[in-house]
Amino acid sequence: MAFLCPSDGDGCSYDECRCANASHVRELVNVSLDGQPCYACEPPRLPACTEATDQCTPEACACANSRTHVKYNASTVDGSPCFYCEPIGGYWSFGRNEMALALWLRS
């Protein structure tokens, strides 16, 4: 009989394990330095949308980090729907670091 995999987000099991919650899936979350797989149970999630500037993901997806990226709808040249993620504020945002650099270069 297999052990129960951790599901509280606080670790993983190097032993064969199964999920106590049937709606969760066993995910490879880590690998030890000697290559041993470590598993935990997590709710199923969508694959990550691409962040490449010249590509889009043709299936349902989510941004890898919704706190720093936003998902956009797009379409391919043949009109098929697709999705991509980019940083909030876009790739060419002008923030504090850029302002400090501009002021330093000006002096």
PDB file of N, CA and C in Angstrom:
ATOM      1  N   MET A   1       0.841  -1.180   0.000  1.00  0.00           N
ATOM      2  CA  MET A   1       0.000   0.000   0.000  1.00  0.00           C
ATOM      3  C   MET A   1       0.887   1.245   0.000  1.00  0.00           C
ATOM      4  N   ALA A   2       0.567   2.211  -0.855  1.00  0.00           N
ATOM      5  CA  ALA A   2       1.368   3.423  -0.974  1.00  0.00           C
ATOM      6  C   ALA A   2       1.010   4.414   0.138  1.00  0.00           C
ATOM      7  N   PHE A   3       1.995   5.200   0.519  1.00  0.00           N
ATOM      8  CA  PHE A   3       1.796   6.268   1.496  1.00  0.00           C
ATOM      9  C   PHE A   3       0.981   7.388   0.858  1.00  0.00           C
ATOM     10  N   LEU A   4       0.461   8.288   1.685  1.00  0.00           N
ATOM     11  CA  LEU A   4      -0.220   9.477   1.170  1.00  0.00           C
ATOM     12  C   LEU A   4       0.817  10.565   0.907  1.00  0.00           C
ATOM     13  N   CYS A   5       0.738  11.165  -0.252  1.00  0.00           N
ATOM     14  CA  CYS A   5       1.634  12.266  -0.592  1.00  0.00           C
ATOM     15  C   CYS A   5       1.234  13.508   0.209  1.00  0.00           C
ATOM     16  N   PRO A   6       2.193  14.357   0.553  1.00  0.00           N
ATOM     17  CA  PRO A   6       1.853  15.628   1.197  1.00  0.00           C
ATOM     18  C   PRO A   6       0.967  16.451   0.259  1.00  0.00           C
ATOM     19  N   SER A   7       0.056  17.214   0.828  1.00  0.00           N
ATOM     20  CA  SER A   7      -0.811  18.038   0.000  1.00  0.00           C
ATOM     21  C   SER A   7      -0.996  19.431   0.583  1.00  0.00           C
ATOM     22  N   ASP A   8      -0.248  19.744   1.619  1.00  0.00           N
ATOM     23  CA  ASP A   8      -0.415  21.037   2.277  1.00  0.00           C
ATOM     24  C   ASP A   8       0.548  22.095   1.742  1.00  0.00           C
ATOM     25  N   GLY A   9       1.287  21.781   0.693  1.00  0.00           N
ATOM     26  CA  GLY A   9       2.243  22.722   0.135  1.00  0.00           C
ATOM     27  C   GLY A   9       3.505  22.858   0.958  1.00  0.00           C
ATOM     28  N   ASP A  10       3.695  21.921   1.869  1.00  0.00           N
ATOM     29  CA  ASP A  10       4.809  22.029   2.804  1.00  0.00           C
ATOM     30  C   ASP A  10       5.783  20.868   2.702  1.00  0.00           C
ATOM     31  N   GLY A  11       5.987  20.359   1.531  1.00  0.00           N
ATOM     32  CA  GLY A  11       6.941  19.285   1.406  1.00  0.00           C
ATOM     33  C   GLY A  11       6.567  18.329   0.302  1.00  0.00           C
ATOM     34  N   CYS A  12       7.346  17.261   0.210  1.00  0.00           N
ATOM     35  CA  CYS A  12       7.099  16.247  -0.802  1.00  0.00           C
ATOM     36  C   CYS A  12       7.605  14.915  -0.271  1.00  0.00           C
ATOM     37  N   SER A  13       7.235  13.854  -0.967  1.00  0.00           N
ATOM     38  CA  SER A  13       7.611  12.503  -0.542  1.00  0.00           C
ATOM     39  C   SER A  13       8.524  11.861  -1.575  1.00  0.00           C
ATOM     40  N   TYR A  14       9.622  11.288  -1.100  1.00  0.00           N
ATOM     41  CA  TYR A  14      10.518  10.547  -1.981  1.00  0.00           C
ATOM     42  C   TYR A  14      10.050   9.112  -2.143  1.00  0.00           C
ATOM     43  N   ASP A  15       9.069   8.703  -1.338  1.00  0.00           N
ATOM     44  CA  ASP A  15       8.517   7.353  -1.418  1.00  0.00           C
ATOM     45  C   ASP A  15       7.347   7.332  -2.385  1.00  0.00           C
ATOM     46  N   GLU A  16       6.994   6.121  -2.870  1.00  0.00           N
ATOM     47  CA  GLU A  16       5.789   5.978  -3.677  1.00  0.00           C
ATOM     48  C   GLU A  16       4.620   6.460  -2.842  1.00  0.00           C
ATOM     49  N   CYS A  17       3.777   7.308  -3.412  1.00  0.00           N
ATOM     50  CA  CYS A  17       2.658   7.827  -2.649  1.00  0.00           C
ATOM     51  C   CYS A  17       1.462   8.044  -3.559  1.00  0.00           C
ATOM     52  N   ARG A  18       0.317   8.254  -2.934  1.00  0.00           N
ATOM     53  CA  ARG A  18      -0.912   8.509  -3.670  1.00  0.00           C
ATOM     54  C   ARG A  18      -1.620   9.688  -3.012  1.00  0.00           C
ATOM     55  N   CYS A  19      -2.578  10.256  -3.721  1.00  0.00           N
ATOM     56  CA  CYS A  19      -3.315  11.404  -3.211  1.00  0.00           C
ATOM     57  C   CYS A  19      -4.536  10.949  -2.416  1.00  0.00           C
ATOM     58  N   ALA A  20      -4.721  11.528  -1.251  1.00  0.00           N
ATOM     59  CA  ALA A  20      -5.899  11.221  -0.440  1.00  0.00           C
ATOM     60  C   ALA A  20      -7.143  11.840  -1.070  1.00  0.00           C
ATOM     61  N   ASN A  21      -7.009  13.011  -1.657  1.00  0.00           N
ATOM     62  CA  ASN A  21      -8.114  13.719  -2.299  1.00  0.00           C
ATOM     63  C   ASN A  21      -8.146  13.302  -3.770  1.00  0.00           C
ATOM     64  N   ALA A  22      -9.227  12.653  -4.185  1.00  0.00           N
ATOM     65  CA  ALA A  22      -9.322  12.139  -5.554  1.00  0.00           C
ATOM     66  C   ALA A  22      -9.310  13.254  -6.606  1.00  0.00           C
ATOM     67  N   SER A  23      -9.609  14.492  -6.218  1.00  0.00           N
ATOM     68  CA  SER A  23      -9.596  15.584  -7.189  1.00  0.00           C
ATOM     69  C   SER A  23      -8.194  16.165  -7.387  1.00  0.00           C
ATOM     70  N   HIS A  24      -7.225  15.753  -6.580  1.00  0.00           N
ATOM     71  CA  HIS A  24      -5.849  16.220  -6.724  1.00  0.00           C
ATOM     72  C   HIS A  24      -5.054  15.262  -7.618  1.00  0.00           C
ATOM     73  N   VAL A  25      -3.947  15.745  -8.133  1.00  0.00           N
ATOM     74  CA  VAL A  25      -3.057  14.920  -8.939  1.00  0.00           C
ATOM     75  C   VAL A  25      -1.669  14.895  -8.298  1.00  0.00           C
ATOM     76  N   ARG A  26      -1.002  13.774  -8.457  1.00  0.00           N
ATOM     77  CA  ARG A  26       0.361  13.639  -7.930  1.00  0.00           C
ATOM     78  C   ARG A  26       1.301  14.348  -8.896  1.00  0.00           C
ATOM     79  N   GLU A  27       2.055  15.306  -8.386  1.00  0.00           N
ATOM     80  CA  GLU A  27       2.964  16.100  -9.212  1.00  0.00           C
ATOM     81  C   GLU A  27       4.400  15.912  -8.746  1.00  0.00           C
ATOM     82  N   LEU A  28       5.310  15.861  -9.693  1.00  0.00           N
ATOM     83  CA  LEU A  28       6.735  15.891  -9.387  1.00  0.00           C
ATOM     84  C   LEU A  28       7.060  17.334  -9.033  1.00  0.00           C
ATOM     85  N   VAL A  29       7.402  17.600  -7.785  1.00  0.00           N
ATOM     86  CA  VAL A  29       7.635  18.983  -7.351  1.00  0.00           C
ATOM     87  C   VAL A  29       9.095  19.293  -7.081  1.00  0.00           C
ATOM     88  N   ASN A  30       9.914  18.284  -6.962  1.00  0.00           N
ATOM     89  CA  ASN A  30      11.323  18.491  -6.654  1.00  0.00           C
ATOM     90  C   ASN A  30      12.112  17.266  -7.048  1.00  0.00           C
ATOM     91  N   VAL A  31      13.414  17.426  -7.130  1.00  0.00           N
ATOM     92  CA  VAL A  31      14.327  16.310  -7.360  1.00  0.00           C
ATOM     93  C   VAL A  31      15.513  16.523  -6.433  1.00  0.00           C
ATOM     94  N   SER A  32      15.923  15.466  -5.746  1.00  0.00           N
ATOM     95  CA  SER A  32      17.062  15.586  -4.834  1.00  0.00           C
ATOM     96  C   SER A  32      18.349  15.762  -5.636  1.00  0.00           C
ATOM     97  N   LEU A  33      19.430  16.132  -4.970  1.00  0.00           N
ATOM     98  CA  LEU A  33      20.718  16.311  -5.641  1.00  0.00           C
ATOM     99  C   LEU A  33      21.207  15.037  -6.301  1.00  0.00           C
ATOM    100  N   ASP A  34      20.777  13.876  -5.775  1.00  0.00           N
ATOM    101  CA  ASP A  34      21.184  12.611  -6.396  1.00  0.00           C
ATOM    102  C   ASP A  34      20.131  12.092  -7.381  1.00  0.00           C
ATOM    103  N   GLY A  35      19.159  12.939  -7.749  1.00  0.00           N
ATOM    104  CA  GLY A  35      18.210  12.591  -8.801  1.00  0.00           C
ATOM    105  C   GLY A  35      16.943  11.886  -8.360  1.00  0.00           C
ATOM    106  N   GLN A  36      16.696  11.778  -7.061  1.00  0.00           N
ATOM    107  CA  GLN A  36      15.490  11.106  -6.572  1.00  0.00           C
ATOM    108  C   GLN A  36      14.277  12.031  -6.754  1.00  0.00           C
ATOM    109  N   PRO A  37      13.196  11.522  -7.386  1.00  0.00           N
ATOM    110  CA  PRO A  37      12.004  12.355  -7.537  1.00  0.00           C
ATOM    111  C   PRO A  37      11.261  12.526  -6.216  1.00  0.00           C
ATOM    112  N   CYS A  38      10.637  13.676  -6.036  1.00  0.00           N
ATOM    113  CA  CYS A  38       9.875  13.977  -4.829  1.00  0.00           C
ATOM    114  C   CYS A  38       8.486  14.467  -5.250  1.00  0.00           C
ATOM    115  N   TYR A  39       7.440  13.830  -4.729  1.00  0.00           N
ATOM    116  CA  TYR A  39       6.067  14.082  -5.172  1.00  0.00           C
ATOM    117  C   TYR A  39       5.203  14.704  -4.089  1.00  0.00           C
ATOM    118  N   ALA A  40       4.207  15.464  -4.519  1.00  0.00           N
ATOM    119  CA  ALA A  40       3.186  16.020  -3.641  1.00  0.00           C
ATOM    120  C   ALA A  40       1.877  16.032  -4.425  1.00  0.00           C
ATOM    121  N   CYS A  41       0.764  16.169  -3.721  1.00  0.00           N
ATOM    122  CA  CYS A  41      -0.539  16.235  -4.364  1.00  0.00           C
ATOM    123  C   CYS A  41      -0.997  17.683  -4.445  1.00  0.00           C
ATOM    124  N   GLU A  42      -1.484  18.055  -5.621  1.00  0.00           N
ATOM    125  CA  GLU A  42      -1.932  19.420  -5.856  1.00  0.00           C
ATOM    126  C   GLU A  42      -3.202  19.386  -6.688  1.00  0.00           C
ATOM    127  N   PRO A  43      -4.008  20.434  -6.584  1.00  0.00           N
ATOM    128  CA  PRO A  43      -5.167  20.502  -7.475  1.00  0.00           C
ATOM    129  C   PRO A  43      -4.690  20.605  -8.921  1.00  0.00           C
ATOM    130  N   PRO A  44      -5.427  20.039  -9.863  1.00  0.00           N
ATOM    131  CA  PRO A  44      -4.992  20.162 -11.259  1.00  0.00           C
ATOM    132  C   PRO A  44      -4.986  21.633 -11.679  1.00  0.00           C
ATOM    133  N   ARG A  45      -4.059  22.002 -12.524  1.00  0.00           N
ATOM    134  CA  ARG A  45      -3.997  23.385 -12.996  1.00  0.00           C
ATOM    135  C   ARG A  45      -3.723  23.409 -14.489  1.00  0.00           C
ATOM    136  N   LEU A  46      -4.075  24.516 -15.078  1.00  0.00           N
ATOM    137  CA  LEU A  46      -3.861  24.688 -16.511  1.00  0.00           C
ATOM    138  C   LEU A  46      -2.374  24.808 -16.815  1.00  0.00           C
ATOM    139  N   PRO A  47      -1.964  24.451 -18.027  1.00  0.00           N
ATOM    140  CA  PRO A  47      -0.569  24.686 -18.404  1.00  0.00           C
ATOM    141  C   PRO A  47      -0.296  26.184 -18.476  1.00  0.00           C
ATOM    142  N   ALA A  48       0.962  26.557 -18.373  1.00  0.00           N
ATOM    143  CA  ALA A  48       1.344  27.970 -18.424  1.00  0.00           C
ATOM    144  C   ALA A  48       1.297  28.482 -19.860  1.00  0.00           C
ATOM    145  N   CYS A  49       0.758  29.685 -20.050  1.00  0.00           N
ATOM    146  CA  CYS A  49       0.771  30.348 -21.359  1.00  0.00           C
ATOM    147  C   CYS A  49       2.199  30.800 -21.658  1.00  0.00           C
ATOM    148  N   THR A  50       2.511  30.911 -22.915  1.00  0.00           N
ATOM    149  CA  THR A  50       3.834  31.388 -23.302  1.00  0.00           C
ATOM    150  C   THR A  50       4.030  32.848 -22.898  1.00  0.00           C
ATOM    151  N   GLU A  51       5.265  33.214 -22.655  1.00  0.00           N
ATOM    152  CA  GLU A  51       5.635  34.605 -22.404  1.00  0.00           C
ATOM    153  C   GLU A  51       6.502  35.142 -23.539  1.00  0.00           C
ATOM    154  N   ALA A  52       6.670  34.321 -24.588  1.00  0.00           N
ATOM    155  CA  ALA A  52       7.463  34.748 -25.737  1.00  0.00           C
ATOM    156  C   ALA A  52       6.731  35.856 -26.477  1.00  0.00           C
ATOM    157  N   THR A  53       7.470  36.844 -26.975  1.00  0.00           N
ATOM    158  CA  THR A  53       6.847  37.989 -27.629  1.00  0.00           C
ATOM    159  C   THR A  53       6.310  37.667 -29.018  1.00  0.00           C
ATOM    160  N   ASP A  54       6.758  36.582 -29.621  1.00  0.00           N
ATOM    161  CA  ASP A  54       6.328  36.260 -30.987  1.00  0.00           C
ATOM    162  C   ASP A  54       5.572  34.942 -31.072  1.00  0.00           C
ATOM    163  N   GLN A  55       4.986  34.484 -29.954  1.00  0.00           N
ATOM    164  CA  GLN A  55       4.268  33.213 -29.938  1.00  0.00           C
ATOM    165  C   GLN A  55       3.000  33.337 -29.117  1.00  0.00           C
ATOM    166  N   CYS A  56       2.106  32.350 -29.262  1.00  0.00           N
ATOM    167  CA  CYS A  56       0.938  32.263 -28.399  1.00  0.00           C
ATOM    168  C   CYS A  56       0.600  30.790 -28.180  1.00  0.00           C
ATOM    169  N   THR A  57      -0.102  30.510 -27.097  1.00  0.00           N
ATOM    170  CA  THR A  57      -0.457  29.142 -26.718  1.00  0.00           C
ATOM    171  C   THR A  57      -1.852  28.836 -27.253  1.00  0.00           C
ATOM    172  N   PRO A  58      -2.005  27.759 -28.055  1.00  0.00           N
ATOM    173  CA  PRO A  58      -3.282  27.492 -28.712  1.00  0.00           C
ATOM    174  C   PRO A  58      -4.306  26.729 -27.871  1.00  0.00           C
ATOM    175  N   GLU A  59      -4.073  26.588 -26.586  1.00  0.00           N
ATOM    176  CA  GLU A  59      -5.009  25.862 -25.724  1.00  0.00           C
ATOM    177  C   GLU A  59      -5.245  26.669 -24.453  1.00  0.00           C
ATOM    178  N   ALA A  60      -6.237  26.258 -23.680  1.00  0.00           N
ATOM    179  CA  ALA A  60      -6.515  26.929 -22.414  1.00  0.00           C
ATOM    180  C   ALA A  60      -5.241  26.942 -21.571  1.00  0.00           C
ATOM    181  N   CYS A  61      -4.915  28.089 -20.985  1.00  0.00           N
ATOM    182  CA  CYS A  61      -3.690  28.207 -20.198  1.00  0.00           C
ATOM    183  C   CYS A  61      -3.853  29.334 -19.189  1.00  0.00           C
ATOM    184  N   ALA A  62      -2.899  29.461 -18.315  1.00  0.00           N
ATOM    185  CA  ALA A  62      -2.880  30.517 -17.305  1.00  0.00           C
ATOM    186  C   ALA A  62      -1.467  31.051 -17.199  1.00  0.00           C
ATOM    187  N   CYS A  63      -1.333  32.283 -16.747  1.00  0.00           N
ATOM    188  CA  CYS A  63       0.003  32.852 -16.537  1.00  0.00           C
ATOM    189  C   CYS A  63       0.677  32.117 -15.385  1.00  0.00           C
ATOM    190  N   ALA A  64       1.959  31.887 -15.522  1.00  0.00           N
ATOM    191  CA  ALA A  64       2.703  31.184 -14.478  1.00  0.00           C
ATOM    192  C   ALA A  64       2.631  31.934 -13.157  1.00  0.00           C
ATOM    193  N   ASN A  65       2.639  33.265 -13.203  1.00  0.00           N
ATOM    194  CA  ASN A  65       2.514  34.071 -11.992  1.00  0.00           C
ATOM    195  C   ASN A  65       1.533  35.202 -12.268  1.00  0.00           C
ATOM    196  N   SER A  66       0.304  35.043 -11.794  1.00  0.00           N
ATOM    197  CA  SER A  66      -0.735  36.033 -12.074  1.00  0.00           C
ATOM    198  C   SER A  66      -0.537  37.327 -11.288  1.00  0.00           C
ATOM    199  N   ARG A  67       0.397  37.351 -10.332  1.00  0.00           N
ATOM    200  CA  ARG A  67       0.686  38.594  -9.609  1.00  0.00           C
ATOM    201  C   ARG A  67       1.607  39.504 -10.397  1.00  0.00           C
ATOM    202  N   THR A  68       2.381  38.934 -11.323  1.00  0.00           N
ATOM    203  CA  THR A  68       3.337  39.742 -12.082  1.00  0.00           C
ATOM    204  C   THR A  68       3.030  39.785 -13.575  1.00  0.00           C
ATOM    205  N   HIS A  69       2.141  38.893 -14.051  1.00  0.00           N
ATOM    206  CA  HIS A  69       1.840  38.815 -15.475  1.00  0.00           C
ATOM    207  C   HIS A  69       0.334  38.839 -15.706  1.00  0.00           C
ATOM    208  N   VAL A  70      -0.042  39.285 -16.901  1.00  0.00           N
ATOM    209  CA  VAL A  70      -1.449  39.319 -17.278  1.00  0.00           C
ATOM    210  C   VAL A  70      -1.622  38.520 -18.577  1.00  0.00           C
ATOM    211  N   LYS A  71      -2.756  37.825 -18.673  1.00  0.00           N
ATOM    212  CA  LYS A  71      -3.045  36.982 -19.841  1.00  0.00           C
ATOM    213  C   LYS A  71      -3.803  37.788 -20.886  1.00  0.00           C
ATOM    214  N   TYR A  72      -3.417  37.605 -22.160  1.00  0.00           N
ATOM    215  CA  TYR A  72      -4.072  38.272 -23.271  1.00  0.00           C
ATOM    216  C   TYR A  72      -4.573  37.256 -24.283  1.00  0.00           C
ATOM    217  N   ASN A  73      -5.677  37.596 -24.936  1.00  0.00           N
ATOM    218  CA  ASN A  73      -6.198  36.799 -26.042  1.00  0.00           C
ATOM    219  C   ASN A  73      -5.526  37.277 -27.317  1.00  0.00           C
ATOM    220  N   ALA A  74      -5.307  36.355 -28.228  1.00  0.00           N
ATOM    221  CA  ALA A  74      -4.738  36.688 -29.528  1.00  0.00           C
ATOM    222  C   ALA A  74      -5.321  35.705 -30.533  1.00  0.00           C
ATOM    223  N   SER A  75      -4.854  35.776 -31.755  1.00  0.00           N
ATOM    224  CA  SER A  75      -5.250  34.783 -32.752  1.00  0.00           C
ATOM    225  C   SER A  75      -4.093  34.584 -33.716  1.00  0.00           C
ATOM    226  N   THR A  76      -4.059  33.404 -34.287  1.00  0.00           N
ATOM    227  CA  THR A  76      -3.021  33.076 -35.261  1.00  0.00           C
ATOM    228  C   THR A  76      -3.417  33.676 -36.607  1.00  0.00           C
ATOM    229  N   VAL A  77      -2.543  33.569 -37.600  1.00  0.00           N
ATOM    230  CA  VAL A  77      -2.840  34.142 -38.921  1.00  0.00           C
ATOM    231  C   VAL A  77      -4.073  33.512 -39.552  1.00  0.00           C
ATOM    232  N   ASP A  78      -4.405  32.271 -39.179  1.00  0.00           N
ATOM    233  CA  ASP A  78      -5.607  31.640 -39.735  1.00  0.00           C
ATOM    234  C   ASP A  78      -6.854  31.908 -38.878  1.00  0.00           C
ATOM    235  N   GLY A  79      -6.718  32.750 -37.845  1.00  0.00           N
ATOM    236  CA  GLY A  79      -7.862  33.126 -37.030  1.00  0.00           C
ATOM    237  C   GLY A  79      -8.119  32.245 -35.822  1.00  0.00           C
ATOM    238  N   SER A  80      -7.298  31.241 -35.584  1.00  0.00           N
ATOM    239  CA  SER A  80      -7.474  30.366 -34.419  1.00  0.00           C
ATOM    240  C   SER A  80      -7.134  31.125 -33.146  1.00  0.00           C
ATOM    241  N   PRO A  81      -7.955  30.976 -32.099  1.00  0.00           N
ATOM    242  CA  PRO A  81      -7.668  31.689 -30.851  1.00  0.00           C
ATOM    243  C   PRO A  81      -6.434  31.123 -30.151  1.00  0.00           C
ATOM    244  N   CYS A  82      -5.710  31.997 -29.476  1.00  0.00           N
ATOM    245  CA  CYS A  82      -4.562  31.586 -28.669  1.00  0.00           C
ATOM    246  C   CYS A  82      -4.349  32.632 -27.587  1.00  0.00           C
ATOM    247  N   PHE A  83      -3.391  32.367 -26.692  1.00  0.00           N
ATOM    248  CA  PHE A  83      -3.197  33.204 -25.508  1.00  0.00           C
ATOM    249  C   PHE A  83      -1.712  33.401 -25.241  1.00  0.00           C
ATOM    250  N   TYR A  84      -1.383  34.512 -24.567  1.00  0.00           N
ATOM    251  CA  TYR A  84      -0.007  34.751 -24.140  1.00  0.00           C
ATOM    252  C   TYR A  84      -0.034  35.599 -22.874  1.00  0.00           C
ATOM    253  N   CYS A  85       1.057  35.590 -22.139  1.00  0.00           N
ATOM    254  CA  CYS A  85       1.179  36.389 -20.921  1.00  0.00           C
ATOM    255  C   CYS A  85       2.350  37.343 -21.068  1.00  0.00           C
ATOM    256  N   GLU A  86       2.175  38.528 -20.503  1.00  0.00           N
ATOM    257  CA  GLU A  86       3.295  39.465 -20.462  1.00  0.00           C
ATOM    258  C   GLU A  86       3.275  40.183 -19.118  1.00  0.00           C
ATOM    259  N   PRO A  87       4.403  40.751 -18.730  1.00  0.00           N
ATOM    260  CA  PRO A  87       4.474  41.427 -17.436  1.00  0.00           C
ATOM    261  C   PRO A  87       3.423  42.529 -17.338  1.00  0.00           C
ATOM    262  N   ILE A  88       2.883  42.704 -16.148  1.00  0.00           N
ATOM    263  CA  ILE A  88       1.935  43.793 -15.915  1.00  0.00           C
ATOM    264  C   ILE A  88       2.660  45.101 -16.228  1.00  0.00           C
ATOM    265  N   GLY A  89       2.054  45.937 -17.021  1.00  0.00           N
ATOM    266  CA  GLY A  89       2.705  47.172 -17.451  1.00  0.00           C
ATOM    267  C   GLY A  89       3.448  47.001 -18.757  1.00  0.00           C
ATOM    268  N   GLY A  90       3.481  45.802 -19.303  1.00  0.00           N
ATOM    269  CA  GLY A  90       4.145  45.557 -20.577  1.00  0.00           C
ATOM    270  C   GLY A  90       5.634  45.325 -20.426  1.00  0.00           C
ATOM    271  N   TYR A  91       6.261  45.026 -21.539  1.00  0.00           N
ATOM    272  CA  TYR A  91       7.692  44.745 -21.536  1.00  0.00           C
ATOM    273  C   TYR A  91       8.530  46.007 -21.459  1.00  0.00           C
ATOM    274  N   TRP A  92       7.968  47.154 -21.856  1.00  0.00           N
ATOM    275  CA  TRP A  92       8.761  48.373 -21.935  1.00  0.00           C
ATOM    276  C   TRP A  92       8.308  49.388 -20.898  1.00  0.00           C
ATOM    277  N   SER A  93       8.019  48.930 -19.684  1.00  0.00           N
ATOM    278  CA  SER A  93       7.575  49.869 -18.653  1.00  0.00           C
ATOM    279  C   SER A  93       8.754  50.702 -18.144  1.00  0.00           C
ATOM    280  N   PHE A  94       8.448  51.897 -17.686  1.00  0.00           N
ATOM    281  CA  PHE A  94       9.452  52.820 -17.166  1.00  0.00           C
ATOM    282  C   PHE A  94       9.206  52.949 -15.670  1.00  0.00           C
ATOM    283  N   GLY A  95      10.000  52.263 -14.872  1.00  0.00           N
ATOM    284  CA  GLY A  95       9.794  52.230 -13.430  1.00  0.00           C
ATOM    285  C   GLY A  95      10.846  52.992 -12.653  1.00  0.00           C
ATOM    286  N   ARG A  96      10.896  52.714 -11.355  1.00  0.00           N
ATOM    287  CA  ARG A  96      11.832  53.396 -10.451  1.00  0.00           C
ATOM    288  C   ARG A  96      13.282  53.218 -10.863  1.00  0.00           C
ATOM    289  N   ASN A  97      13.662  51.977 -11.231  1.00  0.00           N
ATOM    290  CA  ASN A  97      15.059  51.736 -11.602  1.00  0.00           C
ATOM    291  C   ASN A  97      15.453  52.528 -12.845  1.00  0.00           C
ATOM    292  N   GLU A  98      14.546  52.585 -13.822  1.00  0.00           N
ATOM    293  CA  GLU A  98      14.834  53.337 -15.032  1.00  0.00           C
ATOM    294  C   GLU A  98      14.920  54.832 -14.749  1.00  0.00           C
ATOM    295  N   MET A  99      14.062  55.328 -13.853  1.00  0.00           N
ATOM    296  CA  MET A  99      14.099  56.747 -13.484  1.00  0.00           C
ATOM    297  C   MET A  99      15.422  57.084 -12.793  1.00  0.00           C
ATOM    298  N   ALA A 100      15.874  56.231 -11.895  1.00  0.00           N
ATOM    299  CA  ALA A 100      17.142  56.462 -11.203  1.00  0.00           C
ATOM    300  C   ALA A 100      18.295  56.486 -12.194  1.00  0.00           C
ATOM    301  N   LEU A 101      18.267  55.580 -13.160  1.00  0.00           N
ATOM    302  CA  LEU A 101      19.318  55.530 -14.180  1.00  0.00           C
ATOM    303  C   LEU A 101      19.291  56.798 -15.037  1.00  0.00           C
ATOM    304  N   ALA A 102      18.105  57.244 -15.412  1.00  0.00           N
ATOM    305  CA  ALA A 102      17.977  58.455 -16.239  1.00  0.00           C
ATOM    306  C   ALA A 102      18.510  59.670 -15.480  1.00  0.00           C
ATOM    307  N   LEU A 103      18.184  59.788 -14.206  1.00  0.00           N
ATOM    308  CA  LEU A 103      18.674  60.906 -13.405  1.00  0.00           C
ATOM    309  C   LEU A 103      20.184  60.842 -13.229  1.00  0.00           C
ATOM    310  N   TRP A 104      20.724  59.642 -13.043  1.00  0.00           N
ATOM    311  CA  TRP A 104      22.163  59.479 -12.882  1.00  0.00           C
ATOM    312  C   TRP A 104      22.901  59.851 -14.182  1.00  0.00           C
ATOM    313  N   LEU A 105      22.343  59.412 -15.321  1.00  0.00           N
ATOM    314  CA  LEU A 105      22.974  59.724 -16.615  1.00  0.00           C
ATOM    315  C   LEU A 105      22.910  61.232 -16.907  1.00  0.00           C
ATOM    316  N   ARG A 106      21.870  61.877 -16.437  1.00  0.00           N
ATOM    317  CA  ARG A 106      21.682  63.308 -16.674  1.00  0.00           C
ATOM    318  C   ARG A 106      22.689  64.145 -15.878  1.00  0.00           C
ATOM    319  N   SER A 107      23.119  63.642 -14.737  1.00  0.00           N
ATOM    320  CA  SER A 107      24.024  64.426 -13.869  1.00  0.00           C
ATOM    321  C   SER A 107      25.468  64.375 -14.314  1.00  0.00           C
TER     322      SER A 107
END
